Amino acid sequence: MKVKNCMEHFVEENIDAVLAQYPEACNCEKCQRDILILALNHLPPKYVATDKGDTYTRLDLYNQDQTLAVIREIAKAVEIIMRNPRHEVK
């Protein structure tokens, strides 16, 4: 197994659900990438290099407190990107 950041995968899995709560937000690929990057910059990385480590880390991330913290950071990122998109506003 290669080294991977489980937090990145967890944020990617939750972006669509958070964006659904913001119908006025752009969900183009560029905005989604910016949301992902901004949220990850405010969350602690969770690096793993084994399947066992991946399992334990994912279980921890699915803990209600951890999940809420991730959702909160994604929502903050959505609001910031909505106010400051890096592309032409339609």
N, C-alpha and C. Protein backbone atom coordinates (compact mmCIF):
# COMPACT_ATOMS: atom_id res chain seq x y z
N MET A 1 0.85 -1.19 0.00
CA MET A 1 0.00 0.00 0.00
C MET A 1 0.89 1.24 0.00
N LYS A 2 0.52 2.21 -0.79
CA LYS A 2 1.21 3.49 -0.80
C LYS A 2 0.75 4.31 0.40
N VAL A 3 1.51 5.32 0.73
CA VAL A 3 1.11 6.24 1.79
C VAL A 3 -0.05 7.06 1.26
N LYS A 4 -1.08 7.20 2.09
CA LYS A 4 -2.21 8.03 1.67
C LYS A 4 -2.75 8.80 2.87
N ASN A 5 -3.41 9.88 2.56
CA ASN A 5 -4.03 10.73 3.57
C ASN A 5 -5.52 10.37 3.62
N CYS A 6 -5.92 9.65 4.64
CA CYS A 6 -7.33 9.24 4.78
C CYS A 6 -8.25 10.45 4.89
N MET A 7 -7.75 11.54 5.45
CA MET A 7 -8.57 12.74 5.58
C MET A 7 -8.99 13.25 4.20
N GLU A 8 -8.09 13.17 3.23
CA GLU A 8 -8.41 13.62 1.88
C GLU A 8 -9.58 12.82 1.32
N HIS A 9 -9.54 11.51 1.47
CA HIS A 9 -10.62 10.67 0.97
C HIS A 9 -11.92 10.94 1.72
N PHE A 10 -11.83 11.16 3.01
CA PHE A 10 -13.03 11.42 3.81
C PHE A 10 -13.68 12.74 3.40
N VAL A 11 -12.87 13.77 3.17
CA VAL A 11 -13.42 15.06 2.72
C VAL A 11 -14.04 14.90 1.34
N GLU A 12 -13.36 14.20 0.43
CA GLU A 12 -13.92 13.98 -0.91
C GLU A 12 -15.27 13.27 -0.84
N GLU A 13 -15.41 12.32 0.07
CA GLU A 13 -16.65 11.57 0.21
C GLU A 13 -17.80 12.45 0.72
N ASN A 14 -17.49 13.55 1.38
CA ASN A 14 -18.52 14.36 2.02
C ASN A 14 -18.81 15.69 1.33
N ILE A 15 -18.02 16.06 0.35
CA ILE A 15 -18.21 17.36 -0.31
C ILE A 15 -19.60 17.46 -0.96
N ASP A 16 -20.03 16.44 -1.68
CA ASP A 16 -21.32 16.51 -2.37
C ASP A 16 -22.47 16.71 -1.40
N ALA A 17 -22.43 16.03 -0.26
CA ALA A 17 -23.50 16.16 0.73
C ALA A 17 -23.54 17.58 1.29
N VAL A 18 -22.39 18.17 1.52
CA VAL A 18 -22.36 19.53 2.05
C VAL A 18 -22.80 20.51 0.98
N LEU A 19 -22.30 20.34 -0.25
CA LEU A 19 -22.70 21.23 -1.34
C LEU A 19 -24.21 21.19 -1.58
N ALA A 20 -24.85 20.07 -1.33
CA ALA A 20 -26.30 19.95 -1.52
C ALA A 20 -27.05 20.90 -0.58
N GLN A 21 -26.41 21.28 0.52
CA GLN A 21 -27.02 22.21 1.47
C GLN A 21 -26.86 23.67 1.03
N TYR A 22 -26.09 23.89 -0.04
CA TYR A 22 -25.84 25.23 -0.56
C TYR A 22 -26.21 25.26 -2.05
N PRO A 23 -27.51 25.32 -2.37
CA PRO A 23 -27.91 25.26 -3.78
C PRO A 23 -27.37 26.42 -4.62
N GLU A 24 -27.03 27.54 -3.98
CA GLU A 24 -26.51 28.69 -4.72
C GLU A 24 -25.01 28.57 -4.99
N ALA A 25 -24.35 27.57 -4.41
CA ALA A 25 -22.91 27.39 -4.58
C ALA A 25 -22.61 26.74 -5.93
N CYS A 26 -21.53 27.16 -6.53
CA CYS A 26 -21.05 26.54 -7.76
C CYS A 26 -20.44 25.19 -7.40
N ASN A 27 -20.77 24.18 -8.16
CA ASN A 27 -20.18 22.87 -7.89
C ASN A 27 -19.36 22.36 -9.08
N CYS A 28 -18.78 23.33 -9.81
CA CYS A 28 -17.90 22.94 -10.92
C CYS A 28 -16.64 22.28 -10.35
N GLU A 29 -15.90 21.64 -11.23
CA GLU A 29 -14.70 20.91 -10.80
C GLU A 29 -13.69 21.83 -10.11
N LYS A 30 -13.50 23.03 -10.64
CA LYS A 30 -12.54 23.97 -10.06
C LYS A 30 -12.96 24.38 -8.65
N CYS A 31 -14.23 24.69 -8.46
CA CYS A 31 -14.72 25.08 -7.13
C CYS A 31 -14.65 23.91 -6.15
N GLN A 32 -15.02 22.73 -6.61
CA GLN A 32 -14.93 21.56 -5.73
C GLN A 32 -13.49 21.30 -5.30
N ARG A 33 -12.56 21.46 -6.23
CA ARG A 33 -11.14 21.27 -5.90
C ARG A 33 -10.69 22.32 -4.89
N ASP A 34 -11.12 23.57 -5.08
CA ASP A 34 -10.76 24.63 -4.15
C ASP A 34 -11.35 24.38 -2.76
N ILE A 35 -12.57 23.90 -2.72
CA ILE A 35 -13.21 23.56 -1.44
C ILE A 35 -12.43 22.45 -0.75
N LEU A 36 -12.08 21.42 -1.50
CA LEU A 36 -11.30 20.31 -0.95
C LEU A 36 -9.98 20.80 -0.37
N ILE A 37 -9.25 21.60 -1.13
CA ILE A 37 -7.95 22.09 -0.69
C ILE A 37 -8.08 22.98 0.53
N LEU A 38 -9.04 23.88 0.52
CA LEU A 38 -9.22 24.79 1.65
C LEU A 38 -9.60 24.03 2.91
N ALA A 39 -10.51 23.08 2.79
CA ALA A 39 -10.91 22.29 3.95
C ALA A 39 -9.72 21.48 4.48
N LEU A 40 -8.97 20.84 3.58
CA LEU A 40 -7.82 20.03 4.00
C LEU A 40 -6.75 20.87 4.68
N ASN A 41 -6.61 22.11 4.26
CA ASN A 41 -5.61 22.98 4.90
C ASN A 41 -6.00 23.35 6.33
N HIS A 42 -7.25 23.11 6.70
CA HIS A 42 -7.70 23.42 8.06
C HIS A 42 -8.01 22.17 8.88
N LEU A 43 -7.69 21.01 8.33
CA LEU A 43 -7.92 19.75 9.03
C LEU A 43 -6.59 19.02 9.20
N PRO A 44 -6.46 18.24 10.27
CA PRO A 44 -5.20 17.50 10.45
C PRO A 44 -5.12 16.34 9.46
N PRO A 45 -3.95 16.12 8.87
CA PRO A 45 -3.81 14.98 7.96
C PRO A 45 -3.86 13.68 8.76
N LYS A 46 -4.30 12.63 8.10
CA LYS A 46 -4.37 11.30 8.70
C LYS A 46 -3.69 10.33 7.73
N TYR A 47 -2.37 10.28 7.80
CA TYR A 47 -1.61 9.44 6.88
C TYR A 47 -1.55 8.00 7.36
N VAL A 48 -1.66 7.08 6.41
CA VAL A 48 -1.54 5.65 6.70
C VAL A 48 -0.71 5.00 5.60
N ALA A 49 -0.16 3.83 5.95
CA ALA A 49 0.64 3.10 4.96
C ALA A 49 0.28 1.62 4.94
N THR A 50 -0.70 1.21 5.77
CA THR A 50 -1.12 -0.20 5.78
C THR A 50 -2.63 -0.27 5.74
N ASP A 51 -3.14 -1.41 5.34
CA ASP A 51 -4.59 -1.61 5.33
C ASP A 51 -5.16 -1.53 6.74
N LYS A 52 -4.43 -2.08 7.70
CA LYS A 52 -4.89 -2.05 9.10
C LYS A 52 -4.96 -0.60 9.59
N GLY A 53 -3.94 0.19 9.28
CA GLY A 53 -3.95 1.60 9.66
C GLY A 53 -5.09 2.35 9.01
N ASP A 54 -5.38 2.00 7.75
CA ASP A 54 -6.48 2.62 7.02
C ASP A 54 -7.81 2.32 7.71
N THR A 55 -7.99 1.08 8.12
CA THR A 55 -9.23 0.67 8.80
C THR A 55 -9.41 1.42 10.11
N TYR A 56 -8.38 1.45 10.93
CA TYR A 56 -8.47 2.14 12.22
C TYR A 56 -8.71 3.64 12.05
N THR A 57 -8.02 4.23 11.09
CA THR A 57 -8.17 5.67 10.86
C THR A 57 -9.56 5.99 10.36
N ARG A 58 -10.08 5.20 9.44
CA ARG A 58 -11.44 5.44 8.94
C ARG A 58 -12.48 5.28 10.04
N LEU A 59 -12.30 4.29 10.90
CA LEU A 59 -13.22 4.12 12.03
C LEU A 59 -13.20 5.36 12.91
N ASP A 60 -12.02 5.91 13.14
CA ASP A 60 -11.91 7.13 13.94
C ASP A 60 -12.60 8.31 13.25
N LEU A 61 -12.43 8.41 11.94
CA LEU A 61 -13.04 9.52 11.20
C LEU A 61 -14.56 9.43 11.20
N TYR A 62 -15.09 8.23 11.27
CA TYR A 62 -16.55 8.08 11.29
C TYR A 62 -17.14 8.32 12.67
N ASN A 63 -16.30 8.58 13.66
CA ASN A 63 -16.75 8.99 14.99
C ASN A 63 -17.53 10.30 14.81
N GLN A 64 -18.63 10.45 15.52
CA GLN A 64 -19.51 11.60 15.33
C GLN A 64 -18.79 12.94 15.48
N ASP A 65 -17.93 13.08 16.47
CA ASP A 65 -17.21 14.34 16.67
C ASP A 65 -16.29 14.65 15.50
N GLN A 66 -15.58 13.64 15.03
CA GLN A 66 -14.68 13.81 13.89
C GLN A 66 -15.46 14.17 12.63
N THR A 67 -16.55 13.47 12.40
CA THR A 67 -17.37 13.72 11.22
C THR A 67 -17.91 15.15 11.24
N LEU A 68 -18.39 15.59 12.39
CA LEU A 68 -18.92 16.96 12.50
C LEU A 68 -17.83 18.00 12.26
N ALA A 69 -16.62 17.74 12.74
CA ALA A 69 -15.52 18.68 12.52
C ALA A 69 -15.19 18.78 11.04
N VAL A 70 -15.19 17.66 10.35
CA VAL A 70 -14.91 17.65 8.92
C VAL A 70 -16.02 18.37 8.15
N ILE A 71 -17.26 18.07 8.47
CA ILE A 71 -18.40 18.72 7.80
C ILE A 71 -18.35 20.23 8.03
N ARG A 72 -18.02 20.64 9.24
CA ARG A 72 -17.93 22.07 9.56
C ARG A 72 -16.85 22.75 8.71
N GLU A 73 -15.70 22.11 8.56
CA GLU A 73 -14.64 22.70 7.75
C GLU A 73 -15.01 22.75 6.27
N ILE A 74 -15.69 21.73 5.79
CA ILE A 74 -16.14 21.75 4.39
C ILE A 74 -17.14 22.89 4.20
N ALA A 75 -18.06 23.05 5.12
CA ALA A 75 -19.06 24.12 5.02
C ALA A 75 -18.40 25.50 5.04
N LYS A 76 -17.40 25.68 5.89
CA LYS A 76 -16.67 26.95 5.92
C LYS A 76 -15.99 27.19 4.57
N ALA A 77 -15.40 26.15 4.03
CA ALA A 77 -14.72 26.26 2.74
C ALA A 77 -15.72 26.60 1.62
N VAL A 78 -16.89 25.98 1.65
CA VAL A 78 -17.92 26.28 0.65
C VAL A 78 -18.29 27.76 0.71
N GLU A 79 -18.50 28.26 1.91
CA GLU A 79 -18.89 29.67 2.05
C GLU A 79 -17.80 30.62 1.56
N ILE A 80 -16.55 30.29 1.84
CA ILE A 80 -15.44 31.13 1.38
C ILE A 80 -15.33 31.09 -0.14
N ILE A 81 -15.41 29.92 -0.72
CA ILE A 81 -15.30 29.79 -2.18
C ILE A 81 -16.50 30.42 -2.87
N MET A 82 -17.67 30.36 -2.25
CA MET A 82 -18.85 31.02 -2.84
C MET A 82 -18.60 32.53 -2.95
N ARG A 83 -17.97 33.11 -1.94
CA ARG A 83 -17.70 34.55 -1.95
C ARG A 83 -16.52 34.92 -2.83
N ASN A 84 -15.63 33.96 -3.07
CA ASN A 84 -14.40 34.24 -3.80
C ASN A 84 -14.09 33.17 -4.84
N PRO A 85 -14.99 32.96 -5.80
CA PRO A 85 -14.69 31.94 -6.81
C PRO A 85 -13.51 32.37 -7.67
N ARG A 86 -12.76 31.39 -8.17
CA ARG A 86 -11.59 31.71 -9.01
C ARG A 86 -11.94 31.63 -10.49
N HIS A 87 -13.20 31.75 -10.82
CA HIS A 87 -13.61 31.76 -12.22
C HIS A 87 -14.69 32.81 -12.39
N GLU A 88 -15.05 33.06 -13.63
CA GLU A 88 -16.09 34.04 -13.92
C GLU A 88 -17.42 33.61 -13.29
N VAL A 89 -18.09 34.51 -12.62
CA VAL A 89 -19.40 34.22 -12.07
C VAL A 89 -20.43 34.36 -13.16
N LYS A 90 -21.28 33.34 -13.28
CA LYS A 90 -22.28 33.33 -14.36
C LYS A 90 -23.44 34.24 -14.04
